[in-house]
């Protein structure tokens, strides 16, 4: 017999499948409805009933799906959340269709989709999100200058993290023309030392990490 503890399932022999620290989603959504909380953190895949419990949930500002997939079909639900500001989808391969649906989240400020399947066209659909400040994104369909040009079209971006996106030297040159960027994290970017020299000449104040470490010329290299 399976039992449920803090929203996750244990097998009939009590084998723990997932370590959790958050209350069940049903408790968290109830807390949002009563104004006790503004976030839902799901550390296990959501059931169909849990997905529906989120629909139209006023007051929900932060939604984090640590486990489980939100596909393009599920993405339409996010547009029903009128107050959503932060969305983390760690295991969700959203395509351009899903990103177009995210573009309806008018208050979105922070978007984290490290395993997406979007192209630059999907990124471009987010250009109308005037409050979007932080984007953390990975997709095997992104590469080179076109991906960077799509990112550069996001008007208010302050923090950018591209995960295993091979932008190359020309891509970095495009990012060097992005005004207002404070923080740039690149993993697997394939950028030469000469291109980085050009970048820091153009943007000496941007905080830069490359492959999970401070760049040698990062102005904030000494911070903890």
N, C-alpha and C. Protein backbone atom coordinates (compact mmCIF):
# COMPACT_ATOMS: atom_id res chain seq x y z
N UNK A 1 0.85 -1.20 0.00
CA UNK A 1 0.00 0.00 0.00
C UNK A 1 0.88 1.24 0.00
N UNK A 2 0.60 2.17 -0.88
CA UNK A 2 1.36 3.41 -0.94
C UNK A 2 0.80 4.40 0.07
N UNK A 3 1.67 5.18 0.67
CA UNK A 3 1.27 6.23 1.59
C UNK A 3 1.85 7.55 1.10
N UNK A 4 1.29 8.65 1.58
CA UNK A 4 1.72 9.98 1.15
C UNK A 4 2.21 10.76 2.36
N UNK A 5 3.40 11.31 2.23
CA UNK A 5 3.96 12.13 3.29
C UNK A 5 4.45 13.43 2.68
N UNK A 6 3.90 14.54 3.14
CA UNK A 6 4.29 15.85 2.63
C UNK A 6 4.18 15.93 1.12
N UNK A 7 3.15 15.26 0.57
CA UNK A 7 2.86 15.42 -0.84
C UNK A 7 3.59 14.46 -1.75
N UNK A 8 4.45 13.57 -1.24
CA UNK A 8 5.15 12.61 -2.07
C UNK A 8 4.72 11.21 -1.72
N UNK A 9 4.95 10.30 -2.65
CA UNK A 9 4.51 8.93 -2.48
C UNK A 9 5.65 8.03 -2.02
N UNK A 10 5.34 7.16 -1.07
CA UNK A 10 6.26 6.14 -0.63
C UNK A 10 5.74 4.78 -1.10
N UNK A 11 6.63 3.88 -1.47
CA UNK A 11 6.22 2.57 -1.94
C UNK A 11 5.69 1.71 -0.81
N UNK A 12 5.19 0.50 -1.18
CA UNK A 12 4.56 -0.38 -0.21
C UNK A 12 5.53 -0.85 0.86
N UNK A 13 6.83 -0.82 0.56
CA UNK A 13 7.82 -1.22 1.55
C UNK A 13 8.43 -0.01 2.26
N UNK A 14 7.84 1.15 2.02
CA UNK A 14 8.32 2.35 2.70
C UNK A 14 9.54 2.96 2.06
N UNK A 15 9.88 2.54 0.84
CA UNK A 15 11.04 3.11 0.18
C UNK A 15 10.75 4.54 -0.24
N UNK A 16 11.55 5.45 0.23
CA UNK A 16 11.32 6.86 -0.08
C UNK A 16 11.76 7.15 -1.50
N UNK A 17 10.87 7.74 -2.28
CA UNK A 17 11.21 8.07 -3.65
C UNK A 17 11.85 9.45 -3.76
N UNK A 18 11.37 10.36 -2.94
CA UNK A 18 11.84 11.74 -3.06
C UNK A 18 11.92 12.37 -1.68
N UNK A 19 13.03 13.04 -1.40
CA UNK A 19 13.15 13.80 -0.16
C UNK A 19 12.39 15.11 -0.33
N UNK A 20 11.54 15.44 0.63
CA UNK A 20 10.74 16.65 0.51
C UNK A 20 10.83 17.49 1.77
N UNK A 21 10.64 18.78 1.60
CA UNK A 21 10.62 19.68 2.74
C UNK A 21 9.39 20.58 2.72
N UNK A 22 8.66 20.61 1.62
CA UNK A 22 7.49 21.47 1.51
C UNK A 22 6.23 20.69 1.85
N UNK A 23 5.19 21.38 2.34
CA UNK A 23 3.91 20.73 2.61
C UNK A 23 3.27 20.25 1.31
N UNK A 24 2.24 19.41 1.41
CA UNK A 24 1.52 18.98 0.20
C UNK A 24 0.99 20.19 -0.57
N UNK A 25 0.87 20.02 -1.87
CA UNK A 25 0.40 21.12 -2.71
C UNK A 25 -0.98 21.59 -2.28
N UNK A 26 -1.85 20.66 -1.86
CA UNK A 26 -3.19 21.05 -1.45
C UNK A 26 -3.14 22.00 -0.25
N UNK A 27 -2.20 21.79 0.64
CA UNK A 27 -2.04 22.69 1.79
C UNK A 27 -1.50 24.04 1.34
N UNK A 28 -0.54 24.00 0.43
CA UNK A 28 0.05 25.26 -0.04
C UNK A 28 -0.96 26.10 -0.81
N UNK A 29 -1.76 25.48 -1.66
CA UNK A 29 -2.76 26.25 -2.39
C UNK A 29 -3.81 26.84 -1.45
N UNK A 30 -4.16 26.08 -0.42
CA UNK A 30 -5.11 26.61 0.57
C UNK A 30 -4.52 27.82 1.28
N UNK A 31 -3.23 27.77 1.58
CA UNK A 31 -2.58 28.90 2.24
C UNK A 31 -2.56 30.13 1.33
N UNK A 32 -2.38 29.91 0.03
CA UNK A 32 -2.43 31.04 -0.90
C UNK A 32 -3.83 31.65 -0.92
N UNK A 33 -4.84 30.81 -0.96
CA UNK A 33 -6.23 31.31 -1.01
C UNK A 33 -6.60 32.13 0.22
N UNK A 34 -6.03 31.77 1.36
CA UNK A 34 -6.35 32.49 2.60
C UNK A 34 -5.38 33.63 2.88
N UNK A 35 -4.44 33.85 1.98
CA UNK A 35 -3.50 34.94 2.14
C UNK A 35 -2.34 34.65 3.07
N UNK A 36 -2.16 33.39 3.49
CA UNK A 36 -1.05 33.04 4.38
C UNK A 36 0.27 32.87 3.63
N UNK A 37 0.18 32.68 2.34
CA UNK A 37 1.38 32.43 1.54
C UNK A 37 1.18 33.00 0.15
N UNK A 38 2.31 33.16 -0.58
CA UNK A 38 2.25 33.63 -1.96
C UNK A 38 2.97 32.67 -2.90
N UNK A 39 3.33 31.48 -2.40
CA UNK A 39 4.10 30.56 -3.24
C UNK A 39 3.62 29.13 -3.10
N UNK A 40 3.90 28.35 -4.15
CA UNK A 40 3.71 26.91 -4.15
C UNK A 40 4.99 26.28 -4.67
N UNK A 41 5.54 25.36 -3.89
CA UNK A 41 6.74 24.63 -4.29
C UNK A 41 6.39 23.15 -4.34
N UNK A 42 6.43 22.57 -5.52
CA UNK A 42 6.08 21.16 -5.70
C UNK A 42 7.36 20.36 -5.88
N UNK A 43 7.62 19.48 -4.93
CA UNK A 43 8.85 18.68 -4.98
C UNK A 43 8.61 17.29 -5.54
N UNK A 44 7.36 17.02 -5.93
CA UNK A 44 6.99 15.77 -6.60
C UNK A 44 6.12 16.14 -7.79
N UNK A 45 6.04 15.29 -8.80
CA UNK A 45 5.15 15.56 -9.94
C UNK A 45 3.71 15.79 -9.49
N UNK A 46 3.06 16.76 -10.09
CA UNK A 46 1.69 17.08 -9.73
C UNK A 46 0.70 16.08 -10.33
N UNK A 47 -0.33 15.75 -9.57
CA UNK A 47 -1.44 14.97 -10.09
C UNK A 47 -2.34 15.89 -10.92
N UNK A 48 -3.25 15.29 -11.68
CA UNK A 48 -4.19 16.11 -12.45
C UNK A 48 -5.00 17.01 -11.53
N UNK A 49 -5.40 16.49 -10.38
CA UNK A 49 -6.19 17.30 -9.45
C UNK A 49 -5.36 18.46 -8.90
N UNK A 50 -4.09 18.22 -8.64
CA UNK A 50 -3.23 19.31 -8.14
C UNK A 50 -3.02 20.37 -9.21
N UNK A 51 -2.86 19.95 -10.45
CA UNK A 51 -2.77 20.94 -11.53
C UNK A 51 -4.02 21.82 -11.54
N UNK A 52 -5.17 21.21 -11.48
CA UNK A 52 -6.41 21.98 -11.55
C UNK A 52 -6.59 22.88 -10.33
N UNK A 53 -6.02 22.49 -9.20
CA UNK A 53 -6.12 23.33 -8.00
C UNK A 53 -5.36 24.64 -8.16
N UNK A 54 -4.44 24.67 -9.09
CA UNK A 54 -3.68 25.89 -9.35
C UNK A 54 -4.40 26.86 -10.28
N UNK A 55 -5.31 26.35 -11.07
CA UNK A 55 -5.93 27.17 -12.11
C UNK A 55 -6.60 28.41 -11.52
N UNK A 56 -6.22 29.57 -12.05
CA UNK A 56 -6.83 30.83 -11.64
C UNK A 56 -6.54 31.24 -10.22
N UNK A 57 -5.48 30.71 -9.62
CA UNK A 57 -5.21 30.94 -8.20
C UNK A 57 -4.69 32.36 -7.97
N UNK A 58 -5.55 33.23 -7.53
CA UNK A 58 -5.16 34.61 -7.25
C UNK A 58 -4.24 34.65 -6.04
N UNK A 59 -3.29 35.57 -6.07
CA UNK A 59 -2.35 35.72 -4.97
C UNK A 59 -1.10 34.86 -5.08
N UNK A 60 -1.06 33.93 -6.04
CA UNK A 60 0.11 33.09 -6.23
C UNK A 60 1.16 33.86 -7.02
N UNK A 61 2.24 34.20 -6.35
CA UNK A 61 3.30 34.97 -7.00
C UNK A 61 4.48 34.10 -7.43
N UNK A 62 4.67 32.97 -6.77
CA UNK A 62 5.83 32.13 -7.07
C UNK A 62 5.39 30.67 -7.19
N UNK A 63 5.72 30.06 -8.33
CA UNK A 63 5.42 28.65 -8.55
C UNK A 63 6.70 27.94 -8.96
N UNK A 64 7.08 26.93 -8.17
CA UNK A 64 8.31 26.18 -8.42
C UNK A 64 7.96 24.71 -8.57
N UNK A 65 8.24 24.14 -9.73
CA UNK A 65 8.07 22.71 -9.96
C UNK A 65 9.46 22.08 -9.98
N UNK A 66 9.85 21.52 -8.84
CA UNK A 66 11.16 20.89 -8.75
C UNK A 66 11.19 19.56 -9.51
N UNK A 67 10.07 18.86 -9.52
CA UNK A 67 9.97 17.58 -10.22
C UNK A 67 8.71 17.58 -11.07
N UNK A 68 8.73 16.76 -12.10
CA UNK A 68 7.55 16.63 -12.95
C UNK A 68 7.59 17.57 -14.14
N UNK A 69 6.84 17.21 -15.15
CA UNK A 69 6.88 17.90 -16.43
C UNK A 69 5.64 18.77 -16.62
N UNK A 70 5.88 20.02 -16.96
CA UNK A 70 4.83 20.89 -17.48
C UNK A 70 5.06 20.99 -18.98
N UNK A 71 4.22 20.30 -19.76
CA UNK A 71 4.40 20.34 -21.21
C UNK A 71 3.65 21.53 -21.79
N UNK A 72 3.64 21.63 -23.12
CA UNK A 72 2.98 22.76 -23.76
C UNK A 72 1.50 22.83 -23.40
N UNK A 73 0.86 21.67 -23.25
CA UNK A 73 -0.55 21.67 -22.89
C UNK A 73 -0.79 22.23 -21.50
N UNK A 74 0.08 21.91 -20.56
CA UNK A 74 -0.06 22.44 -19.21
C UNK A 74 0.25 23.95 -19.15
N UNK A 75 1.03 24.42 -20.08
CA UNK A 75 1.49 25.81 -20.02
C UNK A 75 0.34 26.80 -20.08
N UNK A 76 -0.78 26.40 -20.67
CA UNK A 76 -1.91 27.34 -20.73
C UNK A 76 -2.42 27.69 -19.34
N UNK A 77 -2.20 26.80 -18.38
CA UNK A 77 -2.67 27.06 -17.02
C UNK A 77 -1.93 28.25 -16.40
N UNK A 78 -0.65 28.41 -16.74
CA UNK A 78 0.11 29.50 -16.12
C UNK A 78 -0.48 30.87 -16.46
N UNK A 79 -1.05 30.97 -17.64
CA UNK A 79 -1.65 32.24 -18.05
C UNK A 79 -2.89 32.58 -17.25
N UNK A 80 -3.43 31.62 -16.51
CA UNK A 80 -4.62 31.89 -15.67
C UNK A 80 -4.24 32.41 -14.29
N UNK A 81 -2.95 32.51 -14.02
CA UNK A 81 -2.49 32.94 -12.69
C UNK A 81 -2.21 34.44 -12.75
N UNK A 82 -3.12 35.27 -12.26
CA UNK A 82 -3.05 36.72 -12.51
C UNK A 82 -1.89 37.42 -11.82
N UNK A 83 -1.34 36.82 -10.77
CA UNK A 83 -0.31 37.50 -9.99
C UNK A 83 1.07 36.85 -10.10
N UNK A 84 1.22 35.89 -11.01
CA UNK A 84 2.46 35.12 -11.09
C UNK A 84 3.64 36.00 -11.48
N UNK A 85 4.69 35.96 -10.64
CA UNK A 85 5.90 36.74 -10.88
C UNK A 85 7.14 35.87 -11.08
N UNK A 86 7.16 34.70 -10.45
CA UNK A 86 8.34 33.82 -10.57
C UNK A 86 7.87 32.42 -10.92
N UNK A 87 8.48 31.85 -11.97
CA UNK A 87 8.10 30.52 -12.43
C UNK A 87 9.36 29.70 -12.68
N UNK A 88 9.45 28.55 -11.99
CA UNK A 88 10.58 27.63 -12.13
C UNK A 88 10.04 26.28 -12.60
N UNK A 89 10.51 25.83 -13.76
CA UNK A 89 10.07 24.55 -14.34
C UNK A 89 11.33 23.74 -14.65
N UNK A 90 11.79 22.97 -13.68
CA UNK A 90 13.11 22.36 -13.80
C UNK A 90 13.18 21.20 -14.79
N UNK A 91 12.07 20.52 -15.04
CA UNK A 91 12.11 19.33 -15.88
C UNK A 91 11.13 19.43 -17.06
N UNK A 92 10.88 20.62 -17.52
CA UNK A 92 9.80 20.84 -18.49
C UNK A 92 10.34 21.24 -19.87
N UNK A 93 10.16 20.37 -20.87
CA UNK A 93 10.68 20.64 -22.23
C UNK A 93 9.73 21.50 -23.06
N UNK A 94 9.45 22.69 -22.60
CA UNK A 94 8.52 23.56 -23.32
C UNK A 94 9.09 23.93 -24.69
N UNK A 95 8.24 23.84 -25.69
CA UNK A 95 8.60 24.26 -27.04
C UNK A 95 8.17 25.71 -27.25
N UNK A 96 8.25 26.17 -28.49
CA UNK A 96 7.81 27.53 -28.79
C UNK A 96 6.33 27.73 -28.46
N UNK A 97 5.54 26.67 -28.60
CA UNK A 97 4.12 26.76 -28.25
C UNK A 97 3.96 27.08 -26.77
N UNK A 98 4.70 26.39 -25.93
CA UNK A 98 4.63 26.65 -24.50
C UNK A 98 5.10 28.04 -24.15
N UNK A 99 6.16 28.50 -24.80
CA UNK A 99 6.66 29.85 -24.51
C UNK A 99 5.66 30.91 -24.95
N UNK A 100 4.97 30.67 -26.04
CA UNK A 100 3.94 31.62 -26.45
C UNK A 100 2.85 31.73 -25.39
N UNK A 101 2.56 30.63 -24.73
CA UNK A 101 1.56 30.66 -23.67
C UNK A 101 2.10 31.36 -22.43
N UNK A 102 3.38 31.20 -22.15
CA UNK A 102 3.98 31.93 -21.02
C UNK A 102 3.94 33.43 -21.24
N UNK A 103 3.92 33.83 -22.51
CA UNK A 103 3.92 35.27 -22.83
C UNK A 103 2.66 35.95 -22.33
N UNK A 104 1.65 35.18 -21.95
CA UNK A 104 0.42 35.77 -21.40
C UNK A 104 0.52 36.05 -19.90
N UNK A 105 1.63 35.68 -19.28
CA UNK A 105 1.83 35.92 -17.84
C UNK A 105 2.36 37.34 -17.67
N UNK A 106 1.47 38.29 -17.63
CA UNK A 106 1.83 39.70 -17.77
C UNK A 106 2.75 40.21 -16.68
N UNK A 107 2.70 39.62 -15.48
CA UNK A 107 3.49 40.12 -14.36
C UNK A 107 4.80 39.35 -14.15
N UNK A 108 5.10 38.42 -15.03
CA UNK A 108 6.26 37.55 -14.83
C UNK A 108 7.56 38.35 -14.79
N UNK A 109 8.34 38.11 -13.74
CA UNK A 109 9.62 38.79 -13.55
C UNK A 109 10.82 37.84 -13.66
N UNK A 110 10.61 36.59 -13.28
CA UNK A 110 11.72 35.63 -13.16
C UNK A 110 11.27 34.31 -13.77
N UNK A 111 11.95 33.88 -14.84
CA UNK A 111 11.59 32.65 -15.54
C UNK A 111 12.80 31.72 -15.59
N UNK A 112 12.60 30.48 -15.14
CA UNK A 112 13.68 29.50 -15.04
C UNK A 112 13.20 28.20 -15.69
N UNK A 113 13.69 27.93 -16.90
CA UNK A 113 13.32 26.72 -17.64
C UNK A 113 14.60 26.08 -18.19
N UNK A 114 15.34 25.35 -17.37
CA UNK A 114 16.67 24.88 -17.79
C UNK A 114 16.67 23.73 -18.79
N UNK A 115 15.50 23.08 -18.99
CA UNK A 115 15.44 21.93 -19.92
C UNK A 115 14.37 22.16 -20.98
N UNK A 116 14.31 23.36 -21.48
CA UNK A 116 13.31 23.69 -22.50
C UNK A 116 13.68 23.05 -23.84
N UNK A 117 12.74 23.17 -24.78
CA UNK A 117 12.98 22.71 -26.15
C UNK A 117 12.57 23.81 -27.13
N UNK A 118 12.76 25.05 -26.71
CA UNK A 118 12.35 26.19 -27.52
C UNK A 118 13.44 26.58 -28.51
N UNK A 119 13.04 27.31 -29.54
CA UNK A 119 13.95 27.92 -30.49
C UNK A 119 14.02 29.42 -30.20
N UNK A 120 14.83 30.17 -30.92
CA UNK A 120 14.82 31.62 -30.73
C UNK A 120 13.43 32.25 -30.92
N UNK A 121 12.62 31.66 -31.78
CA UNK A 121 11.27 32.19 -31.97
C UNK A 121 10.47 32.14 -30.67
N UNK A 122 10.66 31.08 -29.89
CA UNK A 122 9.98 31.00 -28.60
C UNK A 122 10.40 32.10 -27.66
N UNK A 123 11.70 32.39 -27.63
CA UNK A 123 12.19 33.48 -26.78
C UNK A 123 11.58 34.81 -27.21
N UNK A 124 11.48 35.01 -28.50
CA UNK A 124 10.96 36.29 -29.00
C UNK A 124 9.52 36.53 -28.57
N UNK A 125 8.77 35.48 -28.31
CA UNK A 125 7.39 35.69 -27.87
C UNK A 125 7.32 36.33 -26.50
N UNK A 126 8.43 36.30 -25.75
CA UNK A 126 8.45 36.88 -24.41
C UNK A 126 8.75 38.38 -24.42
N UNK A 127 9.00 38.95 -25.59
CA UNK A 127 9.43 40.35 -25.67
C UNK A 127 8.38 41.31 -25.11
N UNK A 128 7.13 40.89 -25.07
CA UNK A 128 6.09 41.77 -24.54
C UNK A 128 5.97 41.75 -23.03
N UNK A 129 6.78 40.92 -22.35
CA UNK A 129 6.74 40.85 -20.88
C UNK A 129 7.59 41.98 -20.31
N UNK A 130 6.97 43.10 -20.07
CA UNK A 130 7.71 44.30 -19.67
C UNK A 130 8.35 44.19 -18.30
N UNK A 131 7.88 43.26 -17.46
CA UNK A 131 8.44 43.12 -16.12
C UNK A 131 9.52 42.04 -16.03
N UNK A 132 9.76 41.30 -17.10
CA UNK A 132 10.72 40.19 -17.05
C UNK A 132 12.13 40.73 -16.82
N UNK A 133 12.73 40.30 -15.71
CA UNK A 133 14.07 40.77 -15.34
C UNK A 133 15.12 39.66 -15.35
N UNK A 134 14.69 38.42 -15.13
CA UNK A 134 15.65 37.32 -15.00
C UNK A 134 15.21 36.14 -15.85
N UNK A 135 16.15 35.62 -16.65
CA UNK A 135 15.87 34.46 -17.50
C UNK A 135 16.99 33.45 -17.33
N UNK A 136 16.62 32.23 -16.92
CA UNK A 136 17.54 31.10 -16.85
C UNK A 136 17.00 30.05 -17.80
N UNK A 137 17.80 29.69 -18.82
CA UNK A 137 17.24 28.92 -19.92
C UNK A 137 18.27 27.97 -20.52
N UNK A 138 17.84 26.76 -20.78
CA UNK A 138 18.62 25.81 -21.54
C UNK A 138 17.73 25.15 -22.58
N UNK A 139 18.27 24.92 -23.78
CA UNK A 139 17.53 24.24 -24.83
C UNK A 139 18.52 23.77 -25.89
N UNK A 140 18.37 22.53 -26.33
CA UNK A 140 19.23 22.01 -27.39
C UNK A 140 18.89 22.63 -28.74
N UNK A 141 17.81 23.40 -28.80
CA UNK A 141 17.41 24.06 -30.04
C UNK A 141 17.95 25.48 -30.14
N UNK A 142 18.78 25.87 -29.19
CA UNK A 142 19.36 27.22 -29.18
C UNK A 142 20.85 27.16 -29.44
N UNK A 143 21.33 28.08 -30.27
CA UNK A 143 22.76 28.17 -30.55
C UNK A 143 23.03 29.45 -31.32
N UNK A 144 24.26 29.95 -31.19
CA UNK A 144 24.75 31.01 -32.04
C UNK A 144 24.10 32.37 -31.88
N UNK A 145 24.37 33.24 -32.85
CA UNK A 145 23.89 34.62 -32.78
C UNK A 145 22.38 34.76 -32.74
N UNK A 146 21.65 33.85 -33.40
CA UNK A 146 20.20 33.99 -33.44
C UNK A 146 19.59 33.88 -32.05
N UNK A 147 20.12 32.96 -31.24
CA UNK A 147 19.62 32.83 -29.86
C UNK A 147 19.88 34.10 -29.08
N UNK A 148 21.06 34.66 -29.25
CA UNK A 148 21.41 35.88 -28.51
C UNK A 148 20.61 37.08 -28.99
N UNK A 149 20.34 37.14 -30.27
CA UNK A 149 19.53 38.24 -30.78
C UNK A 149 18.12 38.17 -30.20
N UNK A 150 17.60 36.96 -30.02
CA UNK A 150 16.27 36.82 -29.41
C UNK A 150 16.28 37.29 -27.97
N UNK A 151 17.33 36.94 -27.24
CA UNK A 151 17.45 37.39 -25.85
C UNK A 151 17.60 38.90 -25.79
N UNK A 152 18.37 39.45 -26.71
CA UNK A 152 18.61 40.90 -26.71
C UNK A 152 17.32 41.68 -26.93
N UNK A 153 16.30 41.04 -27.46
CA UNK A 153 15.03 41.71 -27.71
C UNK A 153 14.15 41.79 -26.47
N UNK A 154 14.58 41.19 -25.37
CA UNK A 154 13.82 41.26 -24.12
C UNK A 154 14.17 42.57 -23.43
N UNK A 155 13.25 43.51 -23.34
CA UNK A 155 13.62 44.90 -23.03
C UNK A 155 14.12 45.18 -21.64
N UNK A 156 13.65 44.44 -20.62
CA UNK A 156 14.01 44.80 -19.25
C UNK A 156 14.94 43.83 -18.57
N UNK A 157 15.60 42.95 -19.33
CA UNK A 157 16.38 41.87 -18.73
C UNK A 157 17.57 42.41 -17.94
N UNK A 158 17.75 41.89 -16.72
CA UNK A 158 18.87 42.26 -15.87
C UNK A 158 19.80 41.08 -15.60
N UNK A 159 19.25 39.88 -15.57
CA UNK A 159 20.03 38.68 -15.28
C UNK A 159 19.74 37.63 -16.35
N UNK A 160 20.82 37.07 -16.93
CA UNK A 160 20.68 36.06 -17.98
C UNK A 160 21.60 34.89 -17.68
N UNK A 161 21.04 33.67 -17.71
CA UNK A 161 21.83 32.44 -17.55
C UNK A 161 21.44 31.51 -18.69
N UNK A 162 22.36 31.25 -19.60
CA UNK A 162 22.16 30.31 -20.70
C UNK A 162 22.93 29.04 -20.40
N UNK A 163 22.22 27.92 -20.39
CA UNK A 163 22.77 26.64 -19.95
C UNK A 163 23.05 25.76 -21.16
N UNK A 164 24.32 25.48 -21.39
CA UNK A 164 24.74 24.63 -22.51
C UNK A 164 24.18 25.13 -23.84
N UNK A 165 24.26 26.43 -24.02
CA UNK A 165 23.87 27.06 -25.29
C UNK A 165 25.15 27.58 -25.95
N UNK A 166 25.60 26.96 -27.04
CA UNK A 166 26.86 27.36 -27.68
C UNK A 166 26.71 28.62 -28.52
N UNK A 167 26.81 29.76 -27.85
CA UNK A 167 26.56 31.03 -28.55
C UNK A 167 27.73 31.46 -29.41
N UNK A 168 28.97 31.03 -29.06
CA UNK A 168 30.14 31.42 -29.83
C UNK A 168 30.50 32.89 -29.68
N UNK A 169 31.54 33.30 -30.36
CA UNK A 169 32.03 34.67 -30.25
C UNK A 169 31.03 35.70 -30.75
N UNK A 170 30.39 35.40 -31.87
CA UNK A 170 29.45 36.36 -32.42
C UNK A 170 28.23 36.53 -31.53
N UNK A 171 27.83 35.45 -30.89
CA UNK A 171 26.72 35.57 -29.96
C UNK A 171 27.05 36.48 -28.79
N UNK A 172 28.26 36.34 -28.26
CA UNK A 172 28.67 37.21 -27.15
C UNK A 172 28.74 38.66 -27.59
N UNK A 173 29.15 38.91 -28.81
CA UNK A 173 29.19 40.29 -29.30
C UNK A 173 27.79 40.89 -29.31
N UNK A 174 26.82 40.09 -29.65
CA UNK A 174 25.43 40.58 -29.61
C UNK A 174 25.02 40.89 -28.17
N UNK A 175 25.37 40.01 -27.24
CA UNK A 175 25.02 40.25 -25.83
C UNK A 175 25.73 41.48 -25.28
N UNK A 176 26.87 41.82 -25.83
CA UNK A 176 27.59 43.01 -25.34
C UNK A 176 26.85 44.29 -25.66
N UNK A 177 25.87 44.20 -26.54
CA UNK A 177 25.09 45.38 -26.90
C UNK A 177 23.78 45.48 -26.11
N UNK A 178 23.59 44.56 -25.16
CA UNK A 178 22.37 44.58 -24.34
C UNK A 178 22.54 45.56 -23.20
N UNK A 179 21.81 46.64 -23.25
CA UNK A 179 21.86 47.64 -22.18
C UNK A 179 21.08 47.14 -20.97
N UNK A 180 21.60 47.46 -19.79
CA UNK A 180 20.87 47.16 -18.56
C UNK A 180 21.18 45.83 -17.94
N UNK A 181 21.96 44.97 -18.62
CA UNK A 181 22.26 43.65 -18.06
C UNK A 181 23.25 43.80 -16.91
N UNK A 182 22.91 43.21 -15.77
CA UNK A 182 23.77 43.25 -14.59
C UNK A 182 24.59 41.98 -14.43
N UNK A 183 23.97 40.83 -14.75
CA UNK A 183 24.58 39.54 -14.47
C UNK A 183 24.45 38.63 -15.69
N UNK A 184 25.57 38.00 -16.06
CA UNK A 184 25.58 37.09 -17.21
C UNK A 184 26.26 35.79 -16.79
N UNK A 185 25.50 34.70 -16.86
CA UNK A 185 26.04 33.36 -16.59
C UNK A 185 25.93 32.56 -17.88
N UNK A 186 27.05 31.98 -18.32
CA UNK A 186 27.07 31.17 -19.53
C UNK A 186 27.74 29.83 -19.24
N UNK A 187 27.06 28.75 -19.59
CA UNK A 187 27.64 27.41 -19.48
C UNK A 187 27.72 26.81 -20.88
N UNK A 188 28.89 26.27 -21.21
CA UNK A 188 29.06 25.64 -22.51
C UNK A 188 28.90 26.59 -23.67
N UNK A 189 29.35 27.83 -23.50
CA UNK A 189 29.10 28.86 -24.51
C UNK A 189 30.05 28.80 -25.69
N UNK A 190 31.24 28.23 -25.51
CA UNK A 190 32.19 28.14 -26.61
C UNK A 190 32.71 29.49 -27.08
N UNK A 191 33.07 30.34 -26.12
CA UNK A 191 33.54 31.70 -26.42
C UNK A 191 35.05 31.77 -26.23
N UNK A 192 35.73 32.43 -27.15
CA UNK A 192 37.19 32.54 -27.08
C UNK A 192 37.62 33.62 -26.10
N UNK A 193 38.89 33.57 -25.69
CA UNK A 193 39.43 34.59 -24.79
C UNK A 193 39.39 35.96 -25.43
N UNK A 194 39.66 36.03 -26.72
CA UNK A 194 39.64 37.32 -27.41
C UNK A 194 38.24 37.94 -27.37
N UNK A 195 37.23 37.11 -27.53
CA UNK A 195 35.86 37.63 -27.50
C UNK A 195 35.49 38.12 -26.10
N UNK A 196 35.98 37.41 -25.08
CA UNK A 196 35.73 37.88 -23.71
C UNK A 196 36.43 39.21 -23.45
N UNK A 197 37.63 39.38 -23.99
CA UNK A 197 38.32 40.66 -23.84
C UNK A 197 37.50 41.78 -24.45
N UNK A 198 36.95 41.54 -25.62
CA UNK A 198 36.09 42.55 -26.26
C UNK A 198 34.86 42.83 -25.40
N UNK A 199 34.30 41.77 -24.82
CA UNK A 199 33.08 41.94 -24.03
C UNK A 199 33.34 42.83 -22.82
N UNK A 200 34.40 42.57 -22.09
CA UNK A 200 34.67 43.36 -20.89
C UNK A 200 35.09 44.79 -21.22
N UNK A 201 35.65 44.98 -22.38
CA UNK A 201 35.92 46.36 -22.81
C UNK A 201 34.62 47.11 -23.03
N UNK A 202 33.61 46.41 -23.54
CA UNK A 202 32.31 47.04 -23.80
C UNK A 202 31.44 47.11 -22.56
N UNK A 203 31.54 46.08 -21.69
CA UNK A 203 30.68 45.97 -20.50
C UNK A 203 31.52 45.63 -19.26
N UNK A 204 32.31 46.57 -18.79
CA UNK A 204 33.22 46.27 -17.67
C UNK A 204 32.53 46.02 -16.34
N UNK A 205 31.27 46.41 -16.20
CA UNK A 205 30.59 46.31 -14.91
C UNK A 205 29.68 45.10 -14.79
N UNK A 206 29.54 44.30 -15.83
CA UNK A 206 28.65 43.15 -15.77
C UNK A 206 29.31 42.02 -14.97
N UNK A 207 28.52 41.44 -14.06
CA UNK A 207 28.98 40.31 -13.25
C UNK A 207 28.88 39.04 -14.10
N UNK A 208 30.00 38.35 -14.31
CA UNK A 208 30.05 37.24 -15.27
C UNK A 208 30.54 35.95 -14.62
N UNK A 209 29.77 34.87 -14.84
CA UNK A 209 30.20 33.51 -14.54
C UNK A 209 30.29 32.73 -15.85
N UNK A 210 31.33 31.93 -15.97
CA UNK A 210 31.49 31.05 -17.13
C UNK A 210 31.69 29.63 -16.62
N UNK A 211 30.82 28.73 -17.03
CA UNK A 211 30.90 27.33 -16.60
C UNK A 211 30.99 27.22 -15.08
N UNK A 212 30.08 27.92 -14.41
CA UNK A 212 29.90 27.85 -12.96
C UNK A 212 31.03 28.49 -12.14
N UNK A 213 31.84 29.31 -12.76
CA UNK A 213 32.92 29.99 -12.03
C UNK A 213 33.01 31.43 -12.49
N UNK A 214 33.50 32.30 -11.59
CA UNK A 214 33.73 33.69 -11.97
C UNK A 214 34.73 33.77 -13.12
N UNK A 215 34.43 34.62 -14.08
CA UNK A 215 35.44 34.93 -15.08
C UNK A 215 36.57 35.72 -14.42
N UNK A 216 37.79 35.55 -14.90
CA UNK A 216 38.95 36.22 -14.29
C UNK A 216 38.78 37.73 -14.28
N UNK A 217 38.03 38.28 -15.23
CA UNK A 217 37.87 39.73 -15.31
C UNK A 217 36.55 40.19 -14.72
N UNK A 218 35.83 39.31 -14.08
CA UNK A 218 34.56 39.65 -13.45
C UNK A 218 34.79 40.72 -12.39
N UNK A 219 34.11 41.86 -12.47
CA UNK A 219 34.31 42.92 -11.48
C UNK A 219 33.91 42.51 -10.06
N UNK A 220 33.08 41.48 -9.93
CA UNK A 220 32.64 41.01 -8.60
C UNK A 220 33.34 39.71 -8.20
N UNK A 221 34.48 39.43 -8.78
CA UNK A 221 35.14 38.15 -8.56
C UNK A 221 35.44 37.86 -7.11
N UNK A 222 35.68 38.89 -6.34
CA UNK A 222 36.06 38.67 -4.94
C UNK A 222 34.91 38.48 -3.99
N UNK A 223 33.64 38.52 -4.51
CA UNK A 223 32.53 38.41 -3.55
C UNK A 223 32.38 36.96 -3.10
N UNK A 224 31.68 36.79 -1.96
CA UNK A 224 31.48 35.44 -1.41
C UNK A 224 30.41 34.69 -2.19
